[in-house]
């Protein structure tokens, strides 16, 4: 497993679907994961520090875990199967670790609220991540190339077995 950070939430220009971009902490590999609009809004709102008058679903889940004295210790993108990403949420319940199956979008939305680290399996990164080599001077150019990539990419570009 490699630790990831949220690089941002964007939209693919072809299908107008939201994409959460995870970046390896120790490198320049980016993992794009297509997610739903509500989950994208939930992640973006928390990242931007916005709040709502009433709790949204992920806020409610985080609040419930807190009231039950359960801590979300990490989330992980565990697998890519048939063009679908899978994830897990690790909870600490009274000193016992418990792993719960999840969609990556829900796991990430919970992680940003709980302050939990995000990980991705090596196999998922090897299969689906995009790597950009760069020096400090090329940083802006890399961002532009990545934006251009996002403007043209589709989920089918990451179909298992495609080259």
N, C-alpha and C. Protein backbone atom coordinates (compact mmCIF):
# COMPACT_ATOMS: atom_id res chain seq x y z
N UNK A 1 0.85 -1.19 0.00
CA UNK A 1 0.00 0.00 0.00
C UNK A 1 0.89 1.25 0.00
N UNK A 2 0.45 2.24 -0.76
CA UNK A 2 1.14 3.53 -0.79
C UNK A 2 0.21 4.61 -0.29
N UNK A 3 0.74 5.53 0.52
CA UNK A 3 -0.08 6.63 1.00
C UNK A 3 -0.32 7.61 -0.14
N UNK A 4 -1.54 8.12 -0.17
CA UNK A 4 -1.97 9.05 -1.22
C UNK A 4 -2.50 10.32 -0.56
N UNK A 5 -2.52 11.39 -1.33
CA UNK A 5 -3.17 12.63 -0.90
C UNK A 5 -4.16 13.03 -2.00
N UNK A 6 -5.16 13.77 -1.61
CA UNK A 6 -6.12 14.25 -2.61
C UNK A 6 -5.47 15.43 -3.32
N UNK A 7 -5.26 15.27 -4.62
CA UNK A 7 -4.67 16.33 -5.43
C UNK A 7 -5.75 17.32 -5.87
N UNK A 8 -6.97 16.82 -6.03
CA UNK A 8 -8.07 17.69 -6.41
C UNK A 8 -9.24 16.89 -6.94
N UNK A 9 -10.31 17.61 -7.21
CA UNK A 9 -11.49 17.03 -7.83
C UNK A 9 -11.72 17.82 -9.11
N UNK A 10 -11.90 17.10 -10.21
CA UNK A 10 -12.06 17.74 -11.51
C UNK A 10 -13.19 17.05 -12.25
N UNK A 11 -13.40 17.43 -13.48
CA UNK A 11 -14.43 16.81 -14.32
C UNK A 11 -13.81 16.44 -15.65
N UNK A 12 -14.12 15.21 -16.13
CA UNK A 12 -13.64 14.88 -17.47
C UNK A 12 -14.51 15.64 -18.46
N UNK A 13 -13.87 16.22 -19.45
CA UNK A 13 -14.56 17.10 -20.39
C UNK A 13 -15.43 16.33 -21.38
N UNK A 14 -15.17 15.04 -21.53
CA UNK A 14 -15.94 14.24 -22.48
C UNK A 14 -17.31 13.89 -21.90
N UNK A 15 -17.33 13.26 -20.72
CA UNK A 15 -18.60 12.82 -20.14
C UNK A 15 -19.10 13.68 -19.01
N UNK A 16 -18.35 14.73 -18.65
CA UNK A 16 -18.72 15.64 -17.55
C UNK A 16 -18.86 14.92 -16.21
N UNK A 17 -18.16 13.79 -16.08
CA UNK A 17 -18.18 13.04 -14.83
C UNK A 17 -17.10 13.56 -13.89
N UNK A 18 -17.39 13.63 -12.60
CA UNK A 18 -16.37 14.06 -11.64
C UNK A 18 -15.27 13.00 -11.49
N UNK A 19 -14.07 13.48 -11.25
CA UNK A 19 -12.91 12.62 -11.02
C UNK A 19 -12.22 13.14 -9.76
N UNK A 20 -11.94 12.23 -8.81
CA UNK A 20 -11.08 12.61 -7.70
C UNK A 20 -9.68 12.14 -8.08
N UNK A 21 -8.72 13.03 -7.92
CA UNK A 21 -7.34 12.72 -8.27
C UNK A 21 -6.54 12.50 -7.00
N UNK A 22 -6.03 11.29 -6.85
CA UNK A 22 -5.15 10.98 -5.74
C UNK A 22 -3.72 11.00 -6.24
N UNK A 23 -2.80 11.49 -5.43
CA UNK A 23 -1.39 11.58 -5.80
C UNK A 23 -0.58 10.83 -4.75
N UNK A 24 0.40 10.06 -5.20
CA UNK A 24 1.27 9.38 -4.25
C UNK A 24 2.03 10.41 -3.43
N UNK A 25 2.14 10.16 -2.13
CA UNK A 25 2.84 11.09 -1.25
C UNK A 25 4.31 11.21 -1.64
N UNK A 26 4.93 10.08 -2.00
CA UNK A 26 6.36 10.06 -2.30
C UNK A 26 6.66 9.99 -3.80
N UNK A 27 5.87 10.64 -4.62
CA UNK A 27 6.15 10.57 -6.05
C UNK A 27 5.23 11.42 -6.86
N UNK A 28 5.28 11.21 -8.17
CA UNK A 28 4.48 11.98 -9.12
C UNK A 28 3.51 11.08 -9.87
N UNK A 29 2.93 10.12 -9.15
CA UNK A 29 1.94 9.25 -9.79
C UNK A 29 0.56 9.69 -9.32
N UNK A 30 -0.33 9.81 -10.30
CA UNK A 30 -1.68 10.29 -10.05
C UNK A 30 -2.68 9.19 -10.38
N UNK A 31 -3.64 8.99 -9.49
CA UNK A 31 -4.66 7.97 -9.67
C UNK A 31 -6.01 8.66 -9.84
N UNK A 32 -6.55 8.66 -11.08
CA UNK A 32 -7.87 9.27 -11.31
C UNK A 32 -8.97 8.24 -11.05
N UNK A 33 -9.95 8.63 -10.24
CA UNK A 33 -11.07 7.74 -9.92
C UNK A 33 -12.36 8.49 -10.24
N UNK A 34 -13.15 7.94 -11.15
CA UNK A 34 -14.43 8.55 -11.50
C UNK A 34 -15.40 8.31 -10.36
N UNK A 35 -16.11 9.36 -9.95
CA UNK A 35 -17.03 9.28 -8.82
C UNK A 35 -18.34 9.96 -9.19
N UNK A 36 -19.32 9.86 -8.33
CA UNK A 36 -20.61 10.50 -8.55
C UNK A 36 -20.58 11.97 -8.18
N UNK A 37 -21.55 12.71 -8.69
CA UNK A 37 -21.65 14.14 -8.41
C UNK A 37 -21.85 14.44 -6.92
N UNK A 38 -22.75 13.72 -6.21
CA UNK A 38 -22.94 14.03 -4.79
C UNK A 38 -21.66 13.82 -3.96
N UNK A 39 -20.92 12.74 -4.27
CA UNK A 39 -19.68 12.47 -3.54
C UNK A 39 -18.61 13.51 -3.88
N UNK A 40 -18.57 13.93 -5.14
CA UNK A 40 -17.61 14.98 -5.53
C UNK A 40 -17.92 16.27 -4.77
N UNK A 41 -19.21 16.61 -4.69
CA UNK A 41 -19.61 17.82 -3.96
C UNK A 41 -19.24 17.70 -2.49
N UNK A 42 -19.44 16.53 -1.92
CA UNK A 42 -19.14 16.31 -0.52
C UNK A 42 -17.64 16.46 -0.24
N UNK A 43 -16.82 15.87 -1.09
CA UNK A 43 -15.36 15.97 -0.93
C UNK A 43 -14.91 17.41 -1.11
N UNK A 44 -15.39 18.06 -2.17
CA UNK A 44 -14.97 19.45 -2.45
C UNK A 44 -15.39 20.40 -1.34
N UNK A 45 -16.60 20.23 -0.84
CA UNK A 45 -17.07 21.12 0.23
C UNK A 45 -16.17 21.03 1.45
N UNK A 46 -15.80 19.82 1.84
CA UNK A 46 -14.95 19.65 3.02
C UNK A 46 -13.55 20.20 2.77
N UNK A 47 -13.01 19.94 1.57
CA UNK A 47 -11.67 20.45 1.24
C UNK A 47 -11.63 21.98 1.24
N UNK A 48 -12.75 22.59 0.85
CA UNK A 48 -12.83 24.04 0.79
C UNK A 48 -13.29 24.66 2.11
N UNK A 49 -13.57 23.83 3.10
CA UNK A 49 -13.99 24.34 4.40
C UNK A 49 -15.41 24.85 4.44
N UNK A 50 -16.22 24.49 3.46
CA UNK A 50 -17.62 24.94 3.43
C UNK A 50 -18.45 24.08 4.38
N UNK A 51 -19.53 24.64 4.86
CA UNK A 51 -20.42 23.88 5.72
C UNK A 51 -21.85 24.07 5.26
N UNK A 52 -22.70 23.17 5.72
CA UNK A 52 -24.12 23.24 5.38
C UNK A 52 -24.91 23.43 6.68
N UNK A 53 -26.13 23.97 6.59
CA UNK A 53 -26.91 24.17 7.81
C UNK A 53 -27.26 22.85 8.52
N UNK A 54 -27.41 21.78 7.76
CA UNK A 54 -27.70 20.46 8.30
C UNK A 54 -26.63 19.50 7.82
N UNK A 55 -26.35 18.44 8.57
CA UNK A 55 -25.27 17.52 8.16
C UNK A 55 -25.60 16.80 6.85
N UNK A 56 -24.61 16.73 5.99
CA UNK A 56 -24.73 15.90 4.78
C UNK A 56 -24.45 14.45 5.19
N UNK A 57 -24.68 13.51 4.29
CA UNK A 57 -24.54 12.09 4.62
C UNK A 57 -23.18 11.74 5.22
N UNK A 58 -22.09 12.22 4.60
CA UNK A 58 -20.76 11.87 5.11
C UNK A 58 -20.47 12.55 6.44
N UNK A 59 -21.02 13.75 6.64
CA UNK A 59 -20.89 14.42 7.94
C UNK A 59 -21.63 13.61 9.01
N UNK A 60 -22.83 13.17 8.67
CA UNK A 60 -23.64 12.37 9.58
C UNK A 60 -22.91 11.09 9.97
N UNK A 61 -22.34 10.41 8.99
CA UNK A 61 -21.61 9.17 9.26
C UNK A 61 -20.44 9.43 10.20
N UNK A 62 -19.68 10.48 9.94
CA UNK A 62 -18.54 10.84 10.78
C UNK A 62 -19.00 11.19 12.20
N UNK A 63 -20.08 11.94 12.31
CA UNK A 63 -20.63 12.31 13.62
C UNK A 63 -21.10 11.06 14.39
N UNK A 64 -21.74 10.14 13.68
CA UNK A 64 -22.21 8.91 14.33
C UNK A 64 -21.04 8.09 14.85
N UNK A 65 -20.00 7.95 14.03
CA UNK A 65 -18.82 7.20 14.47
C UNK A 65 -18.23 7.83 15.73
N UNK A 66 -18.15 9.16 15.74
CA UNK A 66 -17.62 9.87 16.90
C UNK A 66 -18.45 9.63 18.15
N UNK A 67 -19.77 9.68 18.01
CA UNK A 67 -20.66 9.46 19.16
C UNK A 67 -20.55 8.04 19.69
N UNK A 68 -20.23 7.10 18.81
CA UNK A 68 -20.08 5.70 19.22
C UNK A 68 -18.66 5.38 19.64
N UNK A 69 -17.80 6.39 19.68
CA UNK A 69 -16.38 6.25 20.06
C UNK A 69 -15.65 5.28 19.12
N UNK A 70 -15.97 5.40 17.84
CA UNK A 70 -15.32 4.61 16.79
C UNK A 70 -14.47 5.57 15.96
N UNK A 71 -13.22 5.17 15.69
CA UNK A 71 -12.31 6.05 14.94
C UNK A 71 -12.01 5.44 13.57
N UNK A 72 -12.14 6.27 12.54
CA UNK A 72 -11.72 5.87 11.20
C UNK A 72 -10.21 6.07 11.15
N UNK A 73 -9.46 4.96 11.05
CA UNK A 73 -8.00 5.05 11.11
C UNK A 73 -7.34 5.16 9.74
N UNK A 74 -8.01 4.67 8.70
CA UNK A 74 -7.50 4.81 7.34
C UNK A 74 -8.53 4.34 6.35
N UNK A 75 -8.35 4.77 5.10
CA UNK A 75 -9.14 4.23 4.00
C UNK A 75 -8.15 3.80 2.92
N UNK A 76 -8.57 2.85 2.10
CA UNK A 76 -7.67 2.34 1.07
C UNK A 76 -8.45 1.98 -0.20
N UNK A 77 -7.89 2.36 -1.33
CA UNK A 77 -8.39 1.90 -2.62
C UNK A 77 -7.69 0.55 -2.82
N UNK A 78 -8.47 -0.51 -2.77
CA UNK A 78 -7.89 -1.85 -2.66
C UNK A 78 -7.77 -2.62 -3.96
N UNK A 79 -8.63 -2.27 -4.94
CA UNK A 79 -8.69 -3.12 -6.12
C UNK A 79 -9.36 -2.39 -7.28
N UNK A 80 -9.00 -2.81 -8.48
CA UNK A 80 -9.67 -2.38 -9.70
C UNK A 80 -10.10 -3.64 -10.43
N UNK A 81 -11.42 -3.84 -10.53
CA UNK A 81 -11.94 -5.04 -11.16
C UNK A 81 -13.06 -4.65 -12.12
N UNK A 82 -12.95 -5.09 -13.37
CA UNK A 82 -13.96 -4.80 -14.39
C UNK A 82 -14.25 -3.31 -14.48
N UNK A 83 -13.18 -2.53 -14.48
CA UNK A 83 -13.28 -1.06 -14.62
C UNK A 83 -13.94 -0.38 -13.42
N UNK A 84 -14.02 -1.08 -12.28
CA UNK A 84 -14.61 -0.53 -11.07
C UNK A 84 -13.59 -0.58 -9.94
N UNK A 85 -13.41 0.56 -9.27
CA UNK A 85 -12.53 0.61 -8.11
C UNK A 85 -13.27 0.15 -6.87
N UNK A 86 -12.55 -0.52 -5.97
CA UNK A 86 -13.08 -0.97 -4.70
C UNK A 86 -12.23 -0.35 -3.59
N UNK A 87 -12.82 -0.14 -2.43
CA UNK A 87 -12.10 0.46 -1.32
C UNK A 87 -12.53 -0.18 -0.01
N UNK A 88 -11.78 0.14 1.03
CA UNK A 88 -12.15 -0.30 2.37
C UNK A 88 -11.91 0.84 3.35
N UNK A 89 -12.69 0.82 4.41
CA UNK A 89 -12.57 1.78 5.50
C UNK A 89 -12.14 0.97 6.72
N UNK A 90 -11.05 1.38 7.37
CA UNK A 90 -10.61 0.69 8.58
C UNK A 90 -11.05 1.50 9.79
N UNK A 91 -11.77 0.83 10.68
CA UNK A 91 -12.29 1.47 11.89
C UNK A 91 -11.65 0.83 13.11
N UNK A 92 -11.44 1.65 14.14
CA UNK A 92 -10.99 1.15 15.43
C UNK A 92 -12.19 1.20 16.36
N UNK A 93 -12.64 0.02 16.77
CA UNK A 93 -13.82 -0.10 17.62
C UNK A 93 -13.37 -0.72 18.94
N UNK A 94 -13.22 0.10 19.96
CA UNK A 94 -12.82 -0.41 21.27
C UNK A 94 -11.49 -1.14 21.25
N UNK A 95 -10.55 -0.65 20.46
CA UNK A 95 -9.24 -1.28 20.37
C UNK A 95 -9.14 -2.39 19.34
N UNK A 96 -10.25 -2.74 18.71
CA UNK A 96 -10.27 -3.79 17.69
C UNK A 96 -10.41 -3.15 16.32
N UNK A 97 -9.57 -3.57 15.37
CA UNK A 97 -9.68 -3.04 14.01
C UNK A 97 -10.71 -3.82 13.22
N UNK A 98 -11.49 -3.06 12.44
CA UNK A 98 -12.55 -3.64 11.63
C UNK A 98 -12.45 -3.01 10.24
N UNK A 99 -12.55 -3.85 9.21
CA UNK A 99 -12.48 -3.35 7.84
C UNK A 99 -13.86 -3.46 7.19
N UNK A 100 -14.30 -2.33 6.60
CA UNK A 100 -15.62 -2.26 5.98
C UNK A 100 -15.46 -1.99 4.48
N UNK A 101 -16.17 -2.76 3.65
CA UNK A 101 -16.16 -2.55 2.21
C UNK A 101 -16.82 -1.21 1.88
N UNK A 102 -16.29 -0.51 0.88
CA UNK A 102 -16.81 0.81 0.54
C UNK A 102 -16.52 1.15 -0.91
N UNK A 103 -17.28 2.10 -1.42
CA UNK A 103 -16.89 2.72 -2.69
C UNK A 103 -15.76 3.69 -2.37
N UNK A 104 -14.81 3.87 -3.28
CA UNK A 104 -13.73 4.82 -3.00
C UNK A 104 -14.23 6.23 -2.70
N UNK A 105 -15.26 6.68 -3.40
CA UNK A 105 -15.75 8.04 -3.20
C UNK A 105 -16.26 8.25 -1.78
N UNK A 106 -17.00 7.28 -1.23
CA UNK A 106 -17.50 7.39 0.13
C UNK A 106 -16.35 7.29 1.14
N UNK A 107 -15.41 6.39 0.87
CA UNK A 107 -14.26 6.24 1.77
C UNK A 107 -13.45 7.54 1.82
N UNK A 108 -13.23 8.15 0.68
CA UNK A 108 -12.45 9.39 0.63
C UNK A 108 -13.21 10.53 1.30
N UNK A 109 -14.52 10.62 1.06
CA UNK A 109 -15.33 11.66 1.70
C UNK A 109 -15.29 11.51 3.23
N UNK A 110 -15.29 10.28 3.72
CA UNK A 110 -15.18 10.05 5.16
C UNK A 110 -13.77 10.39 5.65
N UNK A 111 -12.76 10.00 4.90
CA UNK A 111 -11.37 10.26 5.30
C UNK A 111 -11.09 11.74 5.48
N UNK A 112 -11.60 12.58 4.57
CA UNK A 112 -11.34 14.02 4.70
C UNK A 112 -12.02 14.59 5.94
N UNK A 113 -13.11 14.01 6.36
CA UNK A 113 -13.80 14.48 7.56
C UNK A 113 -13.14 13.95 8.84
N UNK A 114 -12.65 12.72 8.78
CA UNK A 114 -12.06 12.08 9.96
C UNK A 114 -10.57 12.36 10.10
N UNK A 115 -9.97 12.98 9.09
CA UNK A 115 -8.53 13.21 9.13
C UNK A 115 -7.74 11.93 8.99
N UNK A 116 -8.33 10.94 8.34
CA UNK A 116 -7.69 9.63 8.18
C UNK A 116 -6.83 9.60 6.92
N UNK A 117 -5.71 8.89 6.97
CA UNK A 117 -4.87 8.78 5.77
C UNK A 117 -5.54 7.92 4.70
N UNK A 118 -5.17 8.19 3.45
CA UNK A 118 -5.72 7.48 2.30
C UNK A 118 -4.58 6.68 1.67
N UNK A 119 -4.84 5.43 1.37
CA UNK A 119 -3.85 4.56 0.75
C UNK A 119 -4.41 3.96 -0.54
N UNK A 120 -3.51 3.45 -1.37
CA UNK A 120 -3.92 2.71 -2.57
C UNK A 120 -3.00 1.50 -2.70
N UNK A 121 -3.57 0.39 -3.11
CA UNK A 121 -2.81 -0.84 -3.30
C UNK A 121 -1.82 -0.66 -4.45
N UNK A 122 -0.67 -1.28 -4.30
CA UNK A 122 0.38 -1.22 -5.33
C UNK A 122 -0.15 -1.66 -6.69
N UNK A 123 -0.99 -2.71 -6.71
CA UNK A 123 -1.51 -3.23 -7.97
C UNK A 123 -2.41 -2.20 -8.66
N UNK A 124 -3.19 -1.48 -7.87
CA UNK A 124 -4.09 -0.45 -8.42
C UNK A 124 -3.25 0.68 -9.02
N UNK A 125 -2.21 1.08 -8.31
CA UNK A 125 -1.34 2.16 -8.80
C UNK A 125 -0.63 1.71 -10.07
N UNK A 126 -0.11 0.48 -10.06
CA UNK A 126 0.60 -0.02 -11.24
C UNK A 126 -0.32 -0.09 -12.46
N UNK A 127 -1.57 -0.45 -12.24
CA UNK A 127 -2.50 -0.64 -13.35
C UNK A 127 -3.11 0.67 -13.85
N UNK A 128 -3.35 1.64 -12.97
CA UNK A 128 -4.17 2.79 -13.35
C UNK A 128 -3.55 4.16 -13.16
N UNK A 129 -2.45 4.25 -12.46
CA UNK A 129 -1.88 5.57 -12.19
C UNK A 129 -1.14 6.11 -13.42
N UNK A 130 -1.09 7.42 -13.48
CA UNK A 130 -0.36 8.13 -14.52
C UNK A 130 0.83 8.78 -13.85
N UNK A 131 2.01 8.61 -14.43
CA UNK A 131 3.20 9.18 -13.81
C UNK A 131 3.70 10.35 -14.64
N UNK A 132 4.06 11.42 -13.95
CA UNK A 132 4.63 12.60 -14.58
C UNK A 132 5.99 12.86 -13.96
N UNK A 133 7.05 12.75 -14.76
CA UNK A 133 8.39 13.09 -14.30
C UNK A 133 8.52 14.60 -14.36
N UNK A 134 9.16 15.16 -13.35
CA UNK A 134 9.29 16.62 -13.36
C UNK A 134 10.44 17.09 -12.48
N UNK A 135 10.93 18.26 -12.81
CA UNK A 135 11.84 18.97 -11.93
C UNK A 135 11.06 20.16 -11.40
N UNK A 136 11.60 20.91 -10.48
CA UNK A 136 10.89 22.05 -9.91
C UNK A 136 10.49 23.06 -11.00
N UNK A 137 11.36 23.28 -11.98
CA UNK A 137 11.07 24.24 -13.03
C UNK A 137 9.94 23.79 -13.94
N UNK A 138 9.75 22.48 -14.05
CA UNK A 138 8.73 21.96 -14.96
C UNK A 138 7.37 21.81 -14.29
N UNK A 139 7.27 22.19 -13.06
CA UNK A 139 6.06 21.98 -12.28
C UNK A 139 4.80 22.52 -12.95
N UNK A 140 4.84 23.77 -13.43
CA UNK A 140 3.67 24.36 -14.08
C UNK A 140 3.34 23.63 -15.37
N UNK A 141 4.37 23.22 -16.12
CA UNK A 141 4.15 22.49 -17.36
C UNK A 141 3.46 21.15 -17.08
N UNK A 142 3.84 20.48 -16.00
CA UNK A 142 3.23 19.21 -15.63
C UNK A 142 1.75 19.41 -15.32
N UNK A 143 1.42 20.46 -14.59
CA UNK A 143 0.03 20.74 -14.26
C UNK A 143 -0.77 20.98 -15.54
N UNK A 144 -0.21 21.73 -16.48
CA UNK A 144 -0.90 21.98 -17.76
C UNK A 144 -1.10 20.69 -18.55
N UNK A 145 -0.06 19.85 -18.60
CA UNK A 145 -0.18 18.57 -19.32
C UNK A 145 -1.24 17.69 -18.66
N UNK A 146 -1.30 17.72 -17.34
CA UNK A 146 -2.28 16.92 -16.63
C UNK A 146 -3.69 17.43 -16.90
N UNK A 147 -3.87 18.75 -16.93
CA UNK A 147 -5.18 19.32 -17.24
C UNK A 147 -5.59 18.93 -18.66
N UNK A 148 -4.65 18.97 -19.58
CA UNK A 148 -4.93 18.57 -20.96
C UNK A 148 -5.33 17.09 -21.02
N UNK A 149 -4.61 16.26 -20.25
CA UNK A 149 -4.94 14.84 -20.17
C UNK A 149 -6.38 14.67 -19.68
N UNK A 150 -6.77 15.39 -18.63
CA UNK A 150 -8.11 15.28 -18.06
C UNK A 150 -9.19 15.73 -19.04
N UNK A 151 -8.85 16.69 -19.90
CA UNK A 151 -9.82 17.17 -20.87
C UNK A 151 -10.20 16.09 -21.88
N UNK A 152 -9.33 15.10 -22.06
CA UNK A 152 -9.56 14.12 -23.12
C UNK A 152 -9.73 12.68 -22.65
N UNK A 153 -9.53 12.41 -21.37
CA UNK A 153 -9.56 11.05 -20.87
C UNK A 153 -11.01 10.59 -20.65
N UNK A 154 -11.22 9.28 -20.82
CA UNK A 154 -12.52 8.67 -20.53
C UNK A 154 -12.29 7.46 -19.63
N UNK A 155 -13.31 7.01 -18.91
CA UNK A 155 -13.14 5.83 -18.06
C UNK A 155 -12.67 4.60 -18.82
N UNK A 156 -13.06 4.49 -20.08
CA UNK A 156 -12.68 3.34 -20.89
C UNK A 156 -11.17 3.29 -21.12
N UNK A 157 -10.48 4.44 -21.01
CA UNK A 157 -9.03 4.46 -21.17
C UNK A 157 -8.33 3.62 -20.10
N UNK A 158 -9.05 3.32 -19.02
CA UNK A 158 -8.45 2.56 -17.92
C UNK A 158 -9.01 1.17 -17.80
N UNK A 159 -9.64 0.68 -18.86
CA UNK A 159 -10.19 -0.67 -18.84
C UNK A 159 -9.09 -1.68 -18.59
N UNK A 160 -9.36 -2.63 -17.76
CA UNK A 160 -8.35 -3.64 -17.42
C UNK A 160 -7.91 -4.37 -18.68
N UNK A 161 -6.61 -4.53 -18.82
CA UNK A 161 -6.05 -5.26 -19.94
C UNK A 161 -5.76 -4.39 -21.15
N UNK A 162 -6.23 -3.17 -21.20
CA UNK A 162 -5.92 -2.29 -22.31
C UNK A 162 -4.51 -1.75 -22.17
N UNK A 163 -3.86 -1.46 -23.30
CA UNK A 163 -2.51 -0.90 -23.25
C UNK A 163 -2.51 0.51 -23.77
